Amino acid sequence: GTDPTAATLLLVATWYGSSVCSSLLAYELVAAAGPELMTLCHFAGSACCGAAVLRLGGRSGSIGFASRRQLVDTAALSASF
């Protein structure tokens, strides 16, 4: 299986990198093609990240949280961003 720590680090790095790219390209995309294309690009990127989570998680369907501690850690991390 996939090492959970490595998978999490990869997903966080992917999310952060895509967020930086999105911020840098937002003005160009809106000016060149409109907000609809920018929204479509965000959606497509999110779908790819979601697919990666499902693949790396090794489960199908709902992922959920393995424990209350994992839920608390995830909530704290999401609040920090």
Protein backbone atom coordinates (compact mmCIF):
# COMPACT_ATOMS: atom_id res chain seq x y z
CA GLY A 1 0.00 0.00 0.00
CA THR A 2 0.87 3.65 -0.08
CA ASP A 3 2.53 5.26 2.93
CA PRO A 4 -0.19 7.51 4.43
CA THR A 5 2.28 10.21 5.44
CA ALA A 6 3.83 10.38 1.98
CA ALA A 7 0.41 10.41 0.35
CA THR A 8 -0.77 13.22 2.62
CA LEU A 9 2.37 15.27 1.97
CA LEU A 10 1.97 14.77 -1.77
CA LEU A 11 -1.66 15.86 -1.69
CA VAL A 12 -0.95 18.92 0.46
CA ALA A 13 1.96 19.91 -1.81
CA THR A 14 -0.27 19.45 -4.87
CA TRP A 15 -3.04 21.51 -3.31
CA TYR A 16 -0.65 24.29 -2.28
CA GLY A 17 1.08 24.38 -5.66
CA SER A 18 -2.21 24.50 -7.53
CA SER A 19 -3.45 27.23 -5.21
CA VAL A 20 -0.37 29.37 -5.91
CA CYS A 21 -0.68 28.78 -9.66
CA SER A 22 -4.36 29.60 -9.56
CA SER A 23 -3.73 32.84 -7.70
CA LEU A 24 -1.00 33.88 -10.13
CA LEU A 25 -3.02 33.01 -13.23
CA ALA A 26 -6.43 34.25 -12.05
CA TYR A 27 -6.09 37.74 -13.51
CA GLU A 28 -4.84 36.46 -16.85
CA LEU A 29 -7.57 33.83 -17.15
CA VAL A 30 -10.35 36.26 -16.26
CA ALA A 31 -9.02 38.93 -18.59
CA ALA A 32 -8.43 36.52 -21.48
CA ALA A 33 -11.35 34.13 -21.27
CA GLY A 34 -13.70 35.26 -18.53
CA PRO A 35 -14.57 33.94 -15.09
CA GLU A 36 -16.32 30.89 -16.51
CA LEU A 37 -13.07 29.39 -17.81
CA MET A 38 -11.31 30.13 -14.53
CA THR A 39 -14.10 28.36 -12.62
CA LEU A 40 -13.92 25.40 -15.01
CA CYS A 41 -10.15 25.15 -14.47
CA HIS A 42 -10.61 25.21 -10.67
CA PHE A 43 -13.27 22.52 -10.90
CA ALA A 44 -11.15 20.30 -13.15
CA GLY A 45 -8.17 20.63 -10.80
CA SER A 46 -10.32 19.80 -7.79
CA ALA A 47 -11.74 16.76 -9.54
CA CYS A 48 -8.22 15.51 -10.28
CA CYS A 49 -7.16 15.98 -6.66
CA GLY A 50 -10.31 14.19 -5.50
CA ALA A 51 -9.58 11.28 -7.81
CA ALA A 52 -6.02 11.12 -6.44
CA VAL A 53 -7.34 11.01 -2.87
CA LEU A 54 -9.62 8.12 -3.74
CA ARG A 55 -6.83 6.24 -5.53
CA LEU A 56 -4.21 6.82 -2.83
CA GLY A 57 -6.67 6.09 -0.06
CA GLY A 58 -7.22 2.60 -1.39
CA ARG A 59 -10.96 2.77 -0.75
CA SER A 60 -13.92 3.37 -2.95
CA GLY A 61 -16.96 5.41 -2.08
CA SER A 62 -16.98 7.66 0.95
CA ILE A 63 -13.59 8.12 2.60
CA GLY A 64 -14.67 9.44 5.99
CA PHE A 65 -12.39 9.71 9.01
CA ALA A 66 -10.73 6.76 10.73
CA SER A 67 -10.89 8.38 14.17
CA ARG A 68 -11.98 11.48 16.05
CA ARG A 69 -8.31 12.51 16.27
CA GLN A 70 -8.02 12.45 12.47
CA LEU A 71 -11.17 14.59 12.20
CA VAL A 72 -9.76 17.13 14.68
CA ASP A 73 -6.38 17.23 12.90
CA THR A 74 -8.06 17.73 9.52
CA ALA A 75 -10.31 20.48 10.87
CA ALA A 76 -7.33 22.28 12.44
CA LEU A 77 -5.34 22.05 9.21
CA SER A 78 -8.23 23.32 7.08
CA ALA A 79 -8.85 26.21 9.50
CA SER A 80 -5.20 27.24 9.19
CA PHE A 81 -5.59 27.69 5.44
